[in-house]
């Protein structure tokens, strides 16, 4: 991520790219490459995002039925 990039858009991408499916998706992001001048700010935003996420138990049955338990 370069200093002039849209940080809000990056955080939205992190939410879905890293945390979707608890990271168990074969295309999940595992790294962020961030310019050193904005590193601390981006890290703080990602940490805040992670703190806001809620854990859920998911049960998947066949025929496909997904049950969320928050």
C-alpha atoms as a PDB file:
ATOM      1  CA  UNK A   1       0.000   0.000   0.000  1.00  0.00           C
ATOM      2  CA  UNK A   2       1.399   3.345  -1.005  1.00  0.00           C
ATOM      3  CA  UNK A   3       0.929   6.510   1.076  1.00  0.00           C
ATOM      4  CA  UNK A   4      -1.602   8.057  -1.329  1.00  0.00           C
ATOM      5  CA  UNK A   5      -3.871   4.964  -1.445  1.00  0.00           C
ATOM      6  CA  UNK A   6      -7.366   4.881   0.056  1.00  0.00           C
ATOM      7  CA  UNK A   7      -6.841   3.405   3.535  1.00  0.00           C
ATOM      8  CA  UNK A   8     -10.567   2.849   4.144  1.00  0.00           C
ATOM      9  CA  UNK A   9     -10.724   0.701   1.020  1.00  0.00           C
ATOM     10  CA  UNK A  10      -7.713  -1.282   2.239  1.00  0.00           C
ATOM     11  CA  UNK A  11      -9.308  -1.977   5.622  1.00  0.00           C
ATOM     12  CA  UNK A  12     -12.489  -3.186   3.888  1.00  0.00           C
ATOM     13  CA  UNK A  13     -10.326  -5.473   1.741  1.00  0.00           C
ATOM     14  CA  UNK A  14      -8.560  -6.788   4.842  1.00  0.00           C
ATOM     15  CA  UNK A  15     -11.898  -7.543   6.476  1.00  0.00           C
ATOM     16  CA  UNK A  16     -12.919  -9.818   3.597  1.00  0.00           C
ATOM     17  CA  UNK A  17      -9.544 -10.930   2.273  1.00  0.00           C
ATOM     18  CA  UNK A  18      -7.982 -12.000   5.549  1.00  0.00           C
ATOM     19  CA  UNK A  19     -10.789 -12.631   8.005  1.00  0.00           C
ATOM     20  CA  UNK A  20     -13.502 -14.098   5.750  1.00  0.00           C
ATOM     21  CA  UNK A  21     -13.839 -17.806   6.465  1.00  0.00           C
ATOM     22  CA  UNK A  22     -11.432 -17.493   9.403  1.00  0.00           C
ATOM     23  CA  UNK A  23      -8.555 -17.536   6.922  1.00  0.00           C
ATOM     24  CA  UNK A  24      -9.479 -21.053   5.800  1.00  0.00           C
ATOM     25  CA  UNK A  25     -10.153 -20.014   2.216  1.00  0.00           C
ATOM     26  CA  UNK A  26      -7.470 -21.018  -0.294  1.00  0.00           C
ATOM     27  CA  UNK A  27      -7.360 -17.483  -1.672  1.00  0.00           C
ATOM     28  CA  UNK A  28      -7.184 -15.739   1.733  1.00  0.00           C
ATOM     29  CA  UNK A  29      -4.668 -12.909   2.049  1.00  0.00           C
ATOM     30  CA  UNK A  30      -1.796 -13.609   4.396  1.00  0.00           C
ATOM     31  CA  UNK A  31       0.320 -10.469   4.045  1.00  0.00           C
ATOM     32  CA  UNK A  32      -0.047  -6.738   3.660  1.00  0.00           C
ATOM     33  CA  UNK A  33       2.762  -4.805   2.048  1.00  0.00           C
ATOM     34  CA  UNK A  34       2.543  -1.275   3.393  1.00  0.00           C
ATOM     35  CA  UNK A  35       4.816   1.723   2.874  1.00  0.00           C
ATOM     36  CA  UNK A  36       6.802   2.512   6.016  1.00  0.00           C
ATOM     37  CA  UNK A  37       5.437   6.059   6.236  1.00  0.00           C
ATOM     38  CA  UNK A  38       1.895   4.779   6.885  1.00  0.00           C
ATOM     39  CA  UNK A  39       2.744   1.449   8.523  1.00  0.00           C
ATOM     40  CA  UNK A  40       1.815   2.419  12.093  1.00  0.00           C
ATOM     41  CA  UNK A  41      -1.499   3.977  11.066  1.00  0.00           C
ATOM     42  CA  UNK A  42      -2.525   0.989   8.932  1.00  0.00           C
ATOM     43  CA  UNK A  43      -1.462  -1.444  11.657  1.00  0.00           C
ATOM     44  CA  UNK A  44      -3.598   0.434  14.208  1.00  0.00           C
ATOM     45  CA  UNK A  45      -6.604   0.276  11.851  1.00  0.00           C
ATOM     46  CA  UNK A  46      -6.175  -3.466  11.284  1.00  0.00           C
ATOM     47  CA  UNK A  47      -5.832  -4.047  15.031  1.00  0.00           C
ATOM     48  CA  UNK A  48      -9.029  -2.068  15.649  1.00  0.00           C
ATOM     49  CA  UNK A  49     -10.823  -4.092  12.976  1.00  0.00           C
ATOM     50  CA  UNK A  50      -9.691  -7.371  14.543  1.00  0.00           C
ATOM     51  CA  UNK A  51     -10.923  -6.262  17.983  1.00  0.00           C
ATOM     52  CA  UNK A  52     -14.399  -5.518  16.574  1.00  0.00           C
ATOM     53  CA  UNK A  53     -14.854  -8.907  14.901  1.00  0.00           C
ATOM     54  CA  UNK A  54     -17.135 -11.391  16.610  1.00  0.00           C
ATOM     55  CA  UNK A  55     -16.551 -15.120  16.746  1.00  0.00           C
ATOM     56  CA  UNK A  56     -19.276 -17.447  15.611  1.00  0.00           C
ATOM     57  CA  UNK A  57     -19.788 -21.171  15.450  1.00  0.00           C
ATOM     58  CA  UNK A  58     -21.012 -22.335  12.080  1.00  0.00           C
ATOM     59  CA  UNK A  59     -22.674 -25.642  11.374  1.00  0.00           C
ATOM     60  CA  UNK A  60     -23.091 -26.704   7.758  1.00  0.00           C
ATOM     61  CA  UNK A  61     -25.426 -29.565   6.917  1.00  0.00           C
ATOM     62  CA  UNK A  62     -26.468 -31.257   3.691  1.00  0.00           C
ATOM     63  CA  UNK A  63     -28.605 -30.366   1.878  1.00  0.00           C
ATOM     64  CA  UNK A  64     -26.819 -27.087   2.271  1.00  0.00           C
ATOM     65  CA  UNK A  65     -28.025 -25.262   5.330  1.00  0.00           C
ATOM     66  CA  UNK A  66     -25.799 -22.871   7.239  1.00  0.00           C
ATOM     67  CA  UNK A  67     -26.590 -22.145  10.870  1.00  0.00           C
ATOM     68  CA  UNK A  68     -24.795 -19.251  12.582  1.00  0.00           C
ATOM     69  CA  UNK A  69     -24.475 -19.160  16.346  1.00  0.00           C
ATOM     70  CA  UNK A  70     -23.166 -15.861  17.664  1.00  0.00           C
END
